[in-house]
């Protein structure tokens, strides 16, 4: 891993890596949220969704390995950029203190990213391993969300995800050079809207399951 970090391109190239992988995860969040919304339809609707995924067979496996590779690139690149920023801080600190327009999302990106990494690991342990057959998956989800501590953890993690996405989405376009003074304010607003969709869309699910089942 060390050789790859050392051979990575300059900061602009690394930010492009972060942008592309981040946008891929935005797409994944959209698909994953649409699937999870079937939980509102009850056991039958969610089981039908799970069966449809299960029927895809090897395609799901390829997608999972692809997501793992994207996550590896995103995390390693993010850590590399963070360490480089720390090393440069003695030179840049006086300038950064005077910068305007910093948001909660931009100021906490490395830390929210770390929280999400831990959450994803816990989430996979709960829902990816063990009996993941379509017939058993709904009961497993409903049972897990009867634990108020996990519900609280899940909701908190979705708030963190919303904060992370609120900055990450619009900055991805900027990192790729796709920005214009006329349109970037709109992109920022749309990024905020999407972050709210992520936070509320995912965050309400465990609360709903906990109260209904």
N, C-alpha and C. Protein backbone atom coordinates (compact mmCIF):
# COMPACT_ATOMS: atom_id res chain seq x y z
N UNK A 1 0.83 -1.21 0.00
CA UNK A 1 0.00 0.00 0.00
C UNK A 1 0.86 1.26 0.00
N UNK A 2 2.02 1.18 0.73
CA UNK A 2 2.88 2.35 0.81
C UNK A 2 3.43 2.78 -0.54
N UNK A 3 3.80 1.78 -1.37
CA UNK A 3 4.35 2.14 -2.69
C UNK A 3 3.32 2.85 -3.54
N UNK A 4 2.03 2.44 -3.39
CA UNK A 4 0.99 3.07 -4.21
C UNK A 4 0.75 4.50 -3.77
N UNK A 5 0.76 4.73 -2.46
CA UNK A 5 0.57 6.08 -1.94
C UNK A 5 1.68 7.00 -2.43
N UNK A 6 2.93 6.46 -2.44
CA UNK A 6 4.06 7.29 -2.86
C UNK A 6 4.03 7.57 -4.36
N UNK A 7 3.46 6.65 -5.13
CA UNK A 7 3.45 6.83 -6.58
C UNK A 7 2.22 7.56 -7.09
N UNK A 8 1.32 7.92 -6.18
CA UNK A 8 0.12 8.64 -6.60
C UNK A 8 0.50 10.00 -7.17
N UNK A 9 -0.31 10.52 -8.12
CA UNK A 9 0.01 11.80 -8.74
C UNK A 9 -0.14 12.96 -7.78
N UNK A 10 0.10 14.16 -8.31
CA UNK A 10 0.05 15.37 -7.50
C UNK A 10 -1.33 15.58 -6.91
N UNK A 11 -1.43 16.61 -6.06
CA UNK A 11 -2.66 16.87 -5.31
C UNK A 11 -3.89 16.96 -6.19
N UNK A 12 -3.76 17.59 -7.35
CA UNK A 12 -4.91 17.73 -8.25
C UNK A 12 -5.39 16.36 -8.70
N UNK A 13 -4.45 15.47 -9.03
CA UNK A 13 -4.81 14.13 -9.45
C UNK A 13 -5.47 13.35 -8.33
N UNK A 14 -4.98 13.49 -7.11
CA UNK A 14 -5.57 12.80 -5.97
C UNK A 14 -6.99 13.28 -5.72
N UNK A 15 -7.19 14.60 -5.86
CA UNK A 15 -8.55 15.12 -5.68
C UNK A 15 -9.49 14.60 -6.76
N UNK A 16 -8.94 14.36 -7.95
CA UNK A 16 -9.76 13.77 -9.00
C UNK A 16 -10.17 12.34 -8.64
N UNK A 17 -9.21 11.58 -8.05
CA UNK A 17 -9.54 10.24 -7.56
C UNK A 17 -10.68 10.32 -6.55
N UNK A 18 -10.56 11.25 -5.61
CA UNK A 18 -11.59 11.42 -4.59
C UNK A 18 -12.92 11.78 -5.21
N UNK A 19 -12.89 12.66 -6.21
CA UNK A 19 -14.12 13.11 -6.86
C UNK A 19 -14.83 11.97 -7.58
N UNK A 20 -14.08 11.22 -8.39
CA UNK A 20 -14.69 10.15 -9.18
C UNK A 20 -15.25 9.06 -8.27
N UNK A 21 -14.45 8.62 -7.30
CA UNK A 21 -14.93 7.57 -6.40
C UNK A 21 -16.10 8.08 -5.55
N UNK A 22 -16.02 9.35 -5.14
CA UNK A 22 -17.12 9.93 -4.36
C UNK A 22 -18.41 9.97 -5.15
N UNK A 23 -18.34 10.35 -6.42
CA UNK A 23 -19.54 10.39 -7.26
C UNK A 23 -20.11 8.99 -7.47
N UNK A 24 -19.23 8.00 -7.55
CA UNK A 24 -19.70 6.62 -7.65
C UNK A 24 -20.50 6.23 -6.41
N UNK A 25 -20.02 6.66 -5.25
CA UNK A 25 -20.74 6.35 -4.01
C UNK A 25 -22.06 7.12 -3.92
N UNK A 26 -22.11 8.31 -4.50
CA UNK A 26 -23.37 9.04 -4.56
C UNK A 26 -24.40 8.24 -5.37
N UNK A 27 -23.95 7.68 -6.48
CA UNK A 27 -24.83 6.83 -7.28
C UNK A 27 -25.29 5.61 -6.50
N UNK A 28 -24.35 5.01 -5.76
CA UNK A 28 -24.70 3.84 -4.94
C UNK A 28 -25.73 4.22 -3.88
N UNK A 29 -25.56 5.37 -3.24
CA UNK A 29 -26.51 5.81 -2.22
C UNK A 29 -27.92 5.95 -2.81
N UNK A 30 -28.01 6.47 -4.02
CA UNK A 30 -29.32 6.62 -4.68
C UNK A 30 -29.98 5.26 -4.88
N UNK A 31 -29.22 4.31 -5.43
CA UNK A 31 -29.76 2.97 -5.69
C UNK A 31 -30.12 2.27 -4.38
N UNK A 32 -29.23 2.37 -3.40
CA UNK A 32 -29.43 1.70 -2.11
C UNK A 32 -30.65 2.28 -1.38
N UNK A 33 -30.81 3.59 -1.44
CA UNK A 33 -31.95 4.22 -0.78
C UNK A 33 -33.25 3.78 -1.44
N UNK A 34 -33.28 3.77 -2.76
CA UNK A 34 -34.50 3.35 -3.46
C UNK A 34 -34.88 1.93 -3.08
N UNK A 35 -33.89 1.06 -2.94
CA UNK A 35 -34.17 -0.31 -2.52
C UNK A 35 -34.66 -0.38 -1.10
N UNK A 36 -34.01 0.36 -0.20
CA UNK A 36 -34.38 0.33 1.21
C UNK A 36 -35.76 0.91 1.47
N UNK A 37 -36.22 1.79 0.58
CA UNK A 37 -37.55 2.38 0.77
C UNK A 37 -38.64 1.32 0.67
N UNK A 38 -38.31 0.15 0.11
CA UNK A 38 -39.29 -0.93 0.05
C UNK A 38 -39.65 -1.44 1.44
N UNK A 39 -38.82 -1.11 2.44
CA UNK A 39 -39.15 -1.48 3.82
C UNK A 39 -40.48 -0.88 4.26
N UNK A 40 -40.80 0.29 3.71
CA UNK A 40 -42.08 0.91 4.07
C UNK A 40 -43.26 0.09 3.57
N UNK A 41 -43.02 -0.78 2.59
CA UNK A 41 -44.08 -1.64 2.07
C UNK A 41 -44.27 -2.92 2.86
N UNK A 42 -43.45 -3.12 3.88
CA UNK A 42 -43.58 -4.30 4.70
C UNK A 42 -42.71 -5.45 4.25
N UNK A 43 -42.90 -6.60 4.90
CA UNK A 43 -42.05 -7.77 4.66
C UNK A 43 -42.14 -8.24 3.21
N UNK A 44 -43.35 -8.24 2.65
CA UNK A 44 -43.52 -8.74 1.28
C UNK A 44 -42.76 -7.92 0.27
N UNK A 45 -42.88 -6.58 0.36
CA UNK A 45 -42.22 -5.70 -0.61
C UNK A 45 -40.70 -5.79 -0.47
N UNK A 46 -40.20 -5.81 0.76
CA UNK A 46 -38.75 -5.86 0.96
C UNK A 46 -38.19 -7.21 0.53
N UNK A 47 -38.92 -8.29 0.82
CA UNK A 47 -38.45 -9.62 0.41
C UNK A 47 -38.42 -9.74 -1.11
N UNK A 48 -39.41 -9.15 -1.78
CA UNK A 48 -39.42 -9.16 -3.25
C UNK A 48 -38.21 -8.41 -3.79
N UNK A 49 -37.88 -7.29 -3.18
CA UNK A 49 -36.69 -6.53 -3.58
C UNK A 49 -35.42 -7.36 -3.37
N UNK A 50 -35.33 -8.01 -2.19
CA UNK A 50 -34.15 -8.84 -1.89
C UNK A 50 -34.04 -10.00 -2.86
N UNK A 51 -35.17 -10.60 -3.23
CA UNK A 51 -35.16 -11.71 -4.18
C UNK A 51 -34.68 -11.25 -5.55
N UNK A 52 -35.08 -10.06 -5.94
CA UNK A 52 -34.64 -9.53 -7.24
C UNK A 52 -33.13 -9.34 -7.25
N UNK A 53 -32.60 -8.80 -6.16
CA UNK A 53 -31.14 -8.66 -6.05
C UNK A 53 -30.46 -10.02 -6.07
N UNK A 54 -31.02 -10.96 -5.32
CA UNK A 54 -30.43 -12.30 -5.22
C UNK A 54 -30.40 -12.99 -6.58
N UNK A 55 -31.40 -12.71 -7.42
CA UNK A 55 -31.48 -13.34 -8.73
C UNK A 55 -30.40 -12.85 -9.69
N UNK A 56 -29.78 -11.72 -9.37
CA UNK A 56 -28.73 -11.17 -10.23
C UNK A 56 -27.43 -11.95 -10.10
N UNK A 57 -27.32 -12.72 -9.03
CA UNK A 57 -26.18 -13.62 -8.86
C UNK A 57 -24.82 -12.95 -8.91
N UNK A 58 -24.02 -13.35 -9.92
CA UNK A 58 -22.63 -12.88 -10.02
C UNK A 58 -22.54 -11.37 -10.20
N UNK A 59 -23.55 -10.74 -10.78
CA UNK A 59 -23.52 -9.29 -10.97
C UNK A 59 -23.43 -8.56 -9.63
N UNK A 60 -24.14 -9.07 -8.64
CA UNK A 60 -24.09 -8.47 -7.31
C UNK A 60 -22.70 -8.63 -6.71
N UNK A 61 -22.11 -9.81 -6.90
CA UNK A 61 -20.75 -10.05 -6.39
C UNK A 61 -19.75 -9.10 -7.03
N UNK A 62 -19.85 -8.92 -8.34
CA UNK A 62 -18.96 -7.99 -9.05
C UNK A 62 -19.16 -6.57 -8.53
N UNK A 63 -20.42 -6.18 -8.32
CA UNK A 63 -20.70 -4.84 -7.81
C UNK A 63 -20.11 -4.65 -6.41
N UNK A 64 -20.20 -5.68 -5.58
CA UNK A 64 -19.66 -5.59 -4.22
C UNK A 64 -18.14 -5.44 -4.24
N UNK A 65 -17.48 -6.20 -5.08
CA UNK A 65 -16.02 -6.08 -5.18
C UNK A 65 -15.63 -4.73 -5.77
N UNK A 66 -16.44 -4.25 -6.70
CA UNK A 66 -16.18 -2.93 -7.27
C UNK A 66 -16.31 -1.84 -6.21
N UNK A 67 -17.33 -1.94 -5.38
CA UNK A 67 -17.52 -0.97 -4.29
C UNK A 67 -16.36 -1.04 -3.30
N UNK A 68 -15.89 -2.25 -3.03
CA UNK A 68 -14.76 -2.40 -2.12
C UNK A 68 -13.51 -1.73 -2.68
N UNK A 69 -13.28 -1.90 -3.98
CA UNK A 69 -12.13 -1.26 -4.62
C UNK A 69 -12.27 0.26 -4.59
N UNK A 70 -13.46 0.76 -4.89
CA UNK A 70 -13.70 2.21 -4.84
C UNK A 70 -13.46 2.75 -3.43
N UNK A 71 -13.93 2.00 -2.43
CA UNK A 71 -13.76 2.42 -1.04
C UNK A 71 -12.28 2.48 -0.68
N UNK A 72 -11.53 1.48 -1.13
CA UNK A 72 -10.09 1.45 -0.84
C UNK A 72 -9.39 2.66 -1.44
N UNK A 73 -9.70 2.95 -2.71
CA UNK A 73 -9.09 4.11 -3.37
C UNK A 73 -9.50 5.40 -2.67
N UNK A 74 -10.78 5.52 -2.33
CA UNK A 74 -11.28 6.74 -1.70
C UNK A 74 -10.64 6.97 -0.33
N UNK A 75 -10.57 5.92 0.45
CA UNK A 75 -10.02 6.04 1.81
C UNK A 75 -8.52 6.33 1.78
N UNK A 76 -7.77 5.56 0.98
CA UNK A 76 -6.31 5.75 0.93
C UNK A 76 -5.97 7.13 0.38
N UNK A 77 -6.69 7.55 -0.66
CA UNK A 77 -6.43 8.87 -1.23
C UNK A 77 -6.79 9.97 -0.24
N UNK A 78 -7.91 9.79 0.46
CA UNK A 78 -8.31 10.78 1.46
C UNK A 78 -7.30 10.91 2.58
N UNK A 79 -6.79 9.78 3.05
CA UNK A 79 -5.77 9.81 4.11
C UNK A 79 -4.51 10.49 3.61
N UNK A 80 -4.12 10.18 2.37
CA UNK A 80 -2.92 10.79 1.79
C UNK A 80 -3.06 12.31 1.73
N UNK A 81 -4.20 12.79 1.24
CA UNK A 81 -4.43 14.24 1.15
C UNK A 81 -4.45 14.87 2.54
N UNK A 82 -5.06 14.19 3.50
CA UNK A 82 -5.12 14.72 4.86
C UNK A 82 -3.73 14.87 5.45
N UNK A 83 -2.89 13.85 5.26
CA UNK A 83 -1.54 13.91 5.80
C UNK A 83 -0.73 15.01 5.11
N UNK A 84 -0.93 15.18 3.81
CA UNK A 84 -0.22 16.25 3.09
C UNK A 84 -0.67 17.62 3.59
N UNK A 85 -1.96 17.77 3.85
CA UNK A 85 -2.47 19.04 4.38
C UNK A 85 -1.92 19.33 5.76
N UNK A 86 -1.79 18.29 6.58
CA UNK A 86 -1.21 18.48 7.91
C UNK A 86 0.25 18.93 7.81
N UNK A 87 0.98 18.31 6.87
CA UNK A 87 2.39 18.66 6.70
C UNK A 87 2.54 20.10 6.21
N UNK A 88 1.57 20.58 5.43
CA UNK A 88 1.65 21.93 4.87
C UNK A 88 1.06 22.99 5.79
N UNK A 89 0.43 22.58 6.88
CA UNK A 89 -0.29 23.52 7.73
C UNK A 89 0.57 24.65 8.28
N UNK A 90 1.82 24.41 8.70
CA UNK A 90 2.62 25.54 9.20
C UNK A 90 2.75 26.68 8.20
N UNK A 91 2.70 26.36 6.92
CA UNK A 91 2.82 27.40 5.89
C UNK A 91 1.47 28.02 5.59
N UNK A 92 0.42 27.18 5.61
CA UNK A 92 -0.88 27.63 5.11
C UNK A 92 -1.82 28.11 6.21
N UNK A 93 -1.50 27.84 7.47
CA UNK A 93 -2.46 28.07 8.55
C UNK A 93 -2.95 29.50 8.61
N UNK A 94 -2.03 30.46 8.46
CA UNK A 94 -2.44 31.87 8.55
C UNK A 94 -3.40 32.25 7.45
N UNK A 95 -3.21 31.64 6.28
CA UNK A 95 -4.11 31.93 5.16
C UNK A 95 -5.46 31.27 5.40
N UNK A 96 -5.44 30.01 5.85
CA UNK A 96 -6.68 29.27 6.02
C UNK A 96 -7.58 29.92 7.07
N UNK A 97 -6.99 30.55 8.07
CA UNK A 97 -7.80 31.18 9.09
C UNK A 97 -8.61 32.33 8.53
N UNK A 98 -8.13 32.93 7.44
CA UNK A 98 -8.82 34.08 6.87
C UNK A 98 -9.81 33.67 5.77
N UNK A 99 -9.81 32.38 5.42
CA UNK A 99 -10.69 31.94 4.35
C UNK A 99 -12.14 32.09 4.79
N UNK A 100 -13.00 32.47 3.86
CA UNK A 100 -14.42 32.55 4.15
C UNK A 100 -15.16 31.44 3.47
N UNK A 101 -16.40 31.26 3.84
CA UNK A 101 -17.25 30.29 3.18
C UNK A 101 -17.03 28.84 3.58
N UNK A 102 -16.24 28.58 4.61
CA UNK A 102 -16.06 27.20 5.04
C UNK A 102 -17.33 26.72 5.72
N UNK A 103 -17.72 25.50 5.40
CA UNK A 103 -18.93 24.93 5.97
C UNK A 103 -18.56 23.84 6.96
N UNK A 104 -19.58 23.37 7.68
CA UNK A 104 -19.35 22.26 8.61
C UNK A 104 -18.85 21.04 7.84
N UNK A 105 -19.42 20.82 6.65
CA UNK A 105 -19.00 19.68 5.85
C UNK A 105 -17.55 19.75 5.43
N UNK A 106 -17.13 20.92 4.94
CA UNK A 106 -15.75 21.05 4.47
C UNK A 106 -14.75 20.99 5.62
N UNK A 107 -15.13 21.49 6.78
CA UNK A 107 -14.22 21.52 7.93
C UNK A 107 -14.05 20.16 8.59
N UNK A 108 -14.99 19.24 8.35
CA UNK A 108 -14.97 17.95 9.06
C UNK A 108 -14.86 16.75 8.13
N UNK A 109 -14.55 16.96 6.86
CA UNK A 109 -14.53 15.86 5.90
C UNK A 109 -13.70 14.65 6.36
N UNK A 110 -12.46 14.83 6.81
CA UNK A 110 -11.68 13.64 7.20
C UNK A 110 -12.31 12.89 8.37
N UNK A 111 -12.91 13.64 9.29
CA UNK A 111 -13.45 13.02 10.51
C UNK A 111 -14.79 12.34 10.25
N UNK A 112 -15.65 12.97 9.45
CA UNK A 112 -16.90 12.32 9.09
C UNK A 112 -16.63 11.09 8.23
N UNK A 113 -15.59 11.17 7.39
CA UNK A 113 -15.23 10.02 6.58
C UNK A 113 -14.80 8.84 7.44
N UNK A 114 -14.04 9.12 8.50
CA UNK A 114 -13.59 8.06 9.41
C UNK A 114 -14.78 7.44 10.14
N UNK A 115 -15.70 8.28 10.60
CA UNK A 115 -16.90 7.78 11.28
C UNK A 115 -17.70 6.87 10.35
N UNK A 116 -17.85 7.28 9.10
CA UNK A 116 -18.61 6.48 8.14
C UNK A 116 -17.92 5.16 7.84
N UNK A 117 -16.59 5.17 7.82
CA UNK A 117 -15.85 3.93 7.58
C UNK A 117 -16.12 2.92 8.69
N UNK A 118 -16.11 3.39 9.93
CA UNK A 118 -16.40 2.51 11.07
C UNK A 118 -17.85 2.03 11.00
N UNK A 119 -18.77 2.93 10.68
CA UNK A 119 -20.17 2.55 10.60
C UNK A 119 -20.41 1.49 9.52
N UNK A 120 -19.80 1.67 8.36
CA UNK A 120 -19.98 0.70 7.27
C UNK A 120 -19.50 -0.68 7.71
N UNK A 121 -18.38 -0.73 8.43
CA UNK A 121 -17.87 -2.01 8.92
C UNK A 121 -18.89 -2.67 9.85
N UNK A 122 -19.45 -1.90 10.78
CA UNK A 122 -20.46 -2.43 11.70
C UNK A 122 -21.71 -2.85 10.94
N UNK A 123 -22.11 -2.04 9.97
CA UNK A 123 -23.30 -2.31 9.19
C UNK A 123 -23.16 -3.61 8.39
N UNK A 124 -21.99 -3.83 7.82
CA UNK A 124 -21.75 -5.05 7.05
C UNK A 124 -21.79 -6.28 7.96
N UNK A 125 -21.23 -6.16 9.14
CA UNK A 125 -21.27 -7.28 10.08
C UNK A 125 -22.71 -7.65 10.41
N UNK A 126 -23.57 -6.65 10.54
CA UNK A 126 -24.96 -6.90 10.91
C UNK A 126 -25.80 -7.45 9.77
N UNK A 127 -25.54 -7.00 8.53
CA UNK A 127 -26.46 -7.31 7.45
C UNK A 127 -25.86 -8.08 6.27
N UNK A 128 -24.55 -8.14 6.18
CA UNK A 128 -23.96 -8.82 5.00
C UNK A 128 -23.52 -10.23 5.30
N UNK A 129 -23.17 -10.52 6.54
CA UNK A 129 -22.67 -11.84 6.89
C UNK A 129 -23.75 -12.62 7.64
N UNK A 130 -23.63 -13.93 7.63
CA UNK A 130 -24.66 -14.76 8.23
C UNK A 130 -25.72 -15.12 7.20
N UNK A 131 -26.93 -15.36 7.67
CA UNK A 131 -28.03 -15.73 6.78
C UNK A 131 -28.56 -14.49 6.07
N UNK A 132 -28.23 -14.37 4.78
CA UNK A 132 -28.68 -13.22 3.99
C UNK A 132 -29.69 -13.63 2.92
N UNK A 133 -30.31 -14.78 3.11
CA UNK A 133 -31.33 -15.21 2.14
C UNK A 133 -32.50 -14.24 2.16
N UNK A 134 -33.15 -14.01 1.01
CA UNK A 134 -34.26 -13.05 0.95
C UNK A 134 -35.34 -13.31 1.98
N UNK A 135 -35.62 -14.59 2.25
CA UNK A 135 -36.70 -14.92 3.18
C UNK A 135 -36.37 -14.54 4.62
N UNK A 136 -35.08 -14.50 4.94
CA UNK A 136 -34.68 -14.21 6.32
C UNK A 136 -34.25 -12.77 6.54
N UNK A 137 -34.02 -12.05 5.44
CA UNK A 137 -33.41 -10.73 5.57
C UNK A 137 -34.31 -9.72 6.27
N UNK A 138 -35.60 -9.74 5.96
CA UNK A 138 -36.50 -8.77 6.60
C UNK A 138 -36.54 -8.98 8.10
N UNK A 139 -36.65 -10.23 8.53
CA UNK A 139 -36.68 -10.52 9.97
C UNK A 139 -35.39 -10.06 10.63
N UNK A 140 -34.29 -10.20 9.93
CA UNK A 140 -33.01 -9.77 10.48
C UNK A 140 -32.96 -8.25 10.62
N UNK A 141 -33.45 -7.54 9.60
CA UNK A 141 -33.49 -6.08 9.66
C UNK A 141 -34.40 -5.63 10.79
N UNK A 142 -35.62 -6.21 10.84
CA UNK A 142 -36.58 -5.82 11.87
C UNK A 142 -36.04 -6.12 13.26
N UNK A 143 -35.39 -7.27 13.42
CA UNK A 143 -34.84 -7.63 14.73
C UNK A 143 -33.71 -6.70 15.15
N UNK A 144 -32.84 -6.35 14.21
CA UNK A 144 -31.72 -5.46 14.53
C UNK A 144 -32.20 -4.09 14.98
N UNK A 145 -33.24 -3.60 14.31
CA UNK A 145 -33.74 -2.26 14.62
C UNK A 145 -34.67 -2.24 15.83
N UNK A 146 -34.80 -3.37 16.51
CA UNK A 146 -35.48 -3.36 17.81
C UNK A 146 -34.51 -2.93 18.92
N UNK A 147 -33.23 -2.89 18.57
CA UNK A 147 -32.21 -2.46 19.54
C UNK A 147 -32.09 -0.94 19.48
N UNK A 148 -32.52 -0.23 20.52
CA UNK A 148 -32.50 1.24 20.47
C UNK A 148 -31.10 1.82 20.32
N UNK A 149 -30.09 1.10 20.80
CA UNK A 149 -28.72 1.60 20.67
C UNK A 149 -28.29 1.58 19.21
N UNK A 150 -28.66 0.51 18.49
CA UNK A 150 -28.29 0.45 17.08
C UNK A 150 -29.08 1.47 16.27
N UNK A 151 -30.35 1.67 16.64
CA UNK A 151 -31.15 2.69 15.96
C UNK A 151 -30.50 4.06 16.13
N UNK A 152 -30.08 4.36 17.37
CA UNK A 152 -29.41 5.63 17.63
C UNK A 152 -28.12 5.76 16.86
N UNK A 153 -27.33 4.66 16.81
CA UNK A 153 -26.08 4.66 16.05
C UNK A 153 -26.35 4.90 14.57
N UNK A 154 -27.37 4.24 14.05
CA UNK A 154 -27.69 4.34 12.63
C UNK A 154 -28.12 5.76 12.27
N UNK A 155 -29.01 6.33 13.08
CA UNK A 155 -29.49 7.69 12.81
C UNK A 155 -28.34 8.69 12.89
N UNK A 156 -27.48 8.55 13.91
CA UNK A 156 -26.33 9.44 14.05
C UNK A 156 -25.40 9.32 12.85
N UNK A 157 -25.19 8.09 12.39
CA UNK A 157 -24.32 7.87 11.23
C UNK A 157 -24.90 8.50 9.98
N UNK A 158 -26.23 8.48 9.84
CA UNK A 158 -26.85 9.10 8.67
C UNK A 158 -26.75 10.63 8.71
N UNK A 159 -26.76 11.19 9.90
CA UNK A 159 -26.53 12.64 10.03
C UNK A 159 -25.11 12.96 9.59
N UNK A 160 -24.16 12.14 10.04
CA UNK A 160 -22.76 12.31 9.63
C UNK A 160 -22.63 12.16 8.12
N UNK A 161 -23.32 11.18 7.55
CA UNK A 161 -23.28 10.97 6.10
C UNK A 161 -23.81 12.20 5.36
N UNK A 162 -24.89 12.78 5.88
CA UNK A 162 -25.46 13.97 5.25
C UNK A 162 -24.47 15.13 5.27
N UNK A 163 -23.79 15.31 6.40
CA UNK A 163 -22.79 16.37 6.51
C UNK A 163 -21.65 16.13 5.52
N UNK A 164 -21.22 14.88 5.42
CA UNK A 164 -20.12 14.52 4.51
C UNK A 164 -20.51 14.79 3.06
N UNK A 165 -21.70 14.35 2.68
CA UNK A 165 -22.16 14.50 1.30
C UNK A 165 -22.43 15.96 0.95
N UNK A 166 -22.88 16.74 1.94
CA UNK A 166 -23.22 18.15 1.66
C UNK A 166 -22.06 18.92 1.06
N UNK A 167 -20.84 18.55 1.47
CA UNK A 167 -19.65 19.19 0.89
C UNK A 167 -19.06 18.34 -0.23
N UNK A 168 -19.05 17.02 -0.03
CA UNK A 168 -18.36 16.16 -0.98
C UNK A 168 -18.94 16.19 -2.38
N UNK A 169 -20.28 16.31 -2.48
CA UNK A 169 -20.90 16.24 -3.80
C UNK A 169 -20.52 17.43 -4.67
N UNK A 170 -20.71 18.65 -4.17
CA UNK A 170 -20.41 19.81 -5.02
C UNK A 170 -18.91 19.97 -5.24
N UNK A 171 -18.11 19.60 -4.22
CA UNK A 171 -16.66 19.75 -4.38
C UNK A 171 -16.09 18.75 -5.39
N UNK A 172 -16.81 17.64 -5.60
CA UNK A 172 -16.37 16.67 -6.60
C UNK A 172 -16.38 17.29 -7.99
N UNK A 173 -17.43 18.05 -8.29
CA UNK A 173 -17.49 18.73 -9.59
C UNK A 173 -16.36 19.75 -9.72
N UNK A 174 -16.11 20.45 -8.63
CA UNK A 174 -15.04 21.46 -8.63
C UNK A 174 -13.68 20.79 -8.85
N UNK A 175 -13.46 19.66 -8.20
CA UNK A 175 -12.18 18.95 -8.33
C UNK A 175 -11.96 18.44 -9.75
N UNK A 176 -13.05 18.13 -10.44
CA UNK A 176 -12.95 17.63 -11.81
C UNK A 176 -12.92 18.76 -12.83
N UNK A 177 -12.95 19.99 -12.35
CA UNK A 177 -12.91 21.14 -13.24
C UNK A 177 -14.24 21.47 -13.88
N UNK A 178 -15.32 20.83 -13.37
CA UNK A 178 -16.65 21.08 -13.92
C UNK A 178 -17.34 22.12 -13.03
N UNK A 179 -16.97 23.36 -13.22
CA UNK A 179 -17.57 24.40 -12.37
C UNK A 179 -17.63 25.70 -13.16
N UNK A 180 -18.60 26.50 -12.81
CA UNK A 180 -18.81 27.78 -13.46
C UNK A 180 -19.41 28.72 -12.42
N UNK A 181 -18.93 29.95 -12.34
CA UNK A 181 -19.45 30.89 -11.33
C UNK A 181 -20.97 31.05 -11.37
N UNK A 182 -21.54 30.87 -12.54
CA UNK A 182 -22.99 31.05 -12.68
C UNK A 182 -23.77 29.88 -12.12
N UNK A 183 -23.21 28.66 -12.24
CA UNK A 183 -23.96 27.46 -11.89
C UNK A 183 -23.56 26.83 -10.56
N UNK A 184 -22.36 27.13 -10.06
CA UNK A 184 -21.90 26.50 -8.83
C UNK A 184 -22.81 26.78 -7.63
N UNK A 185 -23.37 27.99 -7.48
CA UNK A 185 -24.31 28.19 -6.36
C UNK A 185 -25.50 27.22 -6.42
N UNK A 186 -25.99 26.93 -7.63
CA UNK A 186 -27.08 25.97 -7.78
C UNK A 186 -26.61 24.57 -7.42
N UNK A 187 -25.39 24.22 -7.85
CA UNK A 187 -24.85 22.90 -7.54
C UNK A 187 -24.71 22.74 -6.03
N UNK A 188 -24.28 23.79 -5.35
CA UNK A 188 -24.15 23.74 -3.89
C UNK A 188 -25.51 23.52 -3.24
N UNK A 189 -26.53 24.21 -3.73
CA UNK A 189 -27.87 24.04 -3.16
C UNK A 189 -28.41 22.64 -3.41
N UNK A 190 -28.17 22.13 -4.62
CA UNK A 190 -28.61 20.77 -4.92
C UNK A 190 -27.87 19.74 -4.07
N UNK A 191 -26.60 20.01 -3.79
CA UNK A 191 -25.83 19.12 -2.93
C UNK A 191 -26.41 19.10 -1.52
N UNK A 192 -26.83 20.27 -1.05
CA UNK A 192 -27.44 20.34 0.28
C UNK A 192 -28.77 19.58 0.30
N UNK A 193 -29.57 19.75 -0.77
CA UNK A 193 -30.84 19.03 -0.86
C UNK A 193 -30.60 17.53 -0.86
N UNK A 194 -29.61 17.09 -1.65
CA UNK A 194 -29.32 15.66 -1.72
C UNK A 194 -28.85 15.14 -0.36
N UNK A 195 -28.05 15.92 0.34
CA UNK A 195 -27.58 15.48 1.66
C UNK A 195 -28.75 15.31 2.63
N UNK A 196 -29.75 16.18 2.52
CA UNK A 196 -30.94 16.06 3.36
C UNK A 196 -31.74 14.82 2.99
N UNK A 197 -31.81 14.52 1.69
CA UNK A 197 -32.50 13.31 1.24
C UNK A 197 -31.81 12.07 1.81
N UNK A 198 -30.48 12.07 1.78
CA UNK A 198 -29.72 10.95 2.33
C UNK A 198 -29.95 10.82 3.83
N UNK A 199 -29.81 11.93 4.55
CA UNK A 199 -29.95 11.89 6.00
C UNK A 199 -31.34 11.48 6.45
N UNK A 200 -32.35 12.11 5.85
CA UNK A 200 -33.73 11.82 6.24
C UNK A 200 -34.20 10.48 5.69
N UNK A 201 -33.86 10.23 4.41
CA UNK A 201 -34.31 8.99 3.77
C UNK A 201 -33.82 7.75 4.48
N UNK A 202 -32.51 7.70 4.77
CA UNK A 202 -31.96 6.55 5.48
C UNK A 202 -32.26 6.61 6.98
N UNK A 203 -32.20 7.81 7.55
CA UNK A 203 -32.33 7.94 9.00
C UNK A 203 -33.70 7.61 9.54
N UNK A 204 -34.74 7.83 8.74
CA UNK A 204 -36.11 7.55 9.21
C UNK A 204 -36.45 6.06 9.19
N UNK A 205 -35.75 5.30 8.37
CA UNK A 205 -36.07 3.87 8.22
C UNK A 205 -35.97 3.08 9.53
N UNK A 206 -34.86 3.17 10.27
CA UNK A 206 -34.79 2.37 11.50
C UNK A 206 -35.81 2.82 12.55
N UNK A 207 -36.11 4.11 12.57
CA UNK A 207 -37.11 4.61 13.51
C UNK A 207 -38.48 4.03 13.16
N UNK A 208 -38.80 4.02 11.88
CA UNK A 208 -40.07 3.46 11.42
C UNK A 208 -40.16 1.96 11.77
N UNK A 209 -39.10 1.21 11.46
CA UNK A 209 -39.11 -0.21 11.74
C UNK A 209 -39.23 -0.47 13.24
N UNK A 210 -38.52 0.32 14.05
CA UNK A 210 -38.54 0.12 15.50
C UNK A 210 -39.93 0.31 16.08
N UNK A 211 -40.69 1.25 15.54
CA UNK A 211 -42.02 1.55 16.09
C UNK A 211 -43.11 0.66 15.51
N UNK A 212 -42.94 0.21 14.27
CA UNK A 212 -43.99 -0.56 13.60
C UNK A 212 -43.88 -2.06 13.88
N UNK A 213 -42.65 -2.58 14.02
CA UNK A 213 -42.48 -4.02 14.16
C UNK A 213 -41.96 -4.39 15.54
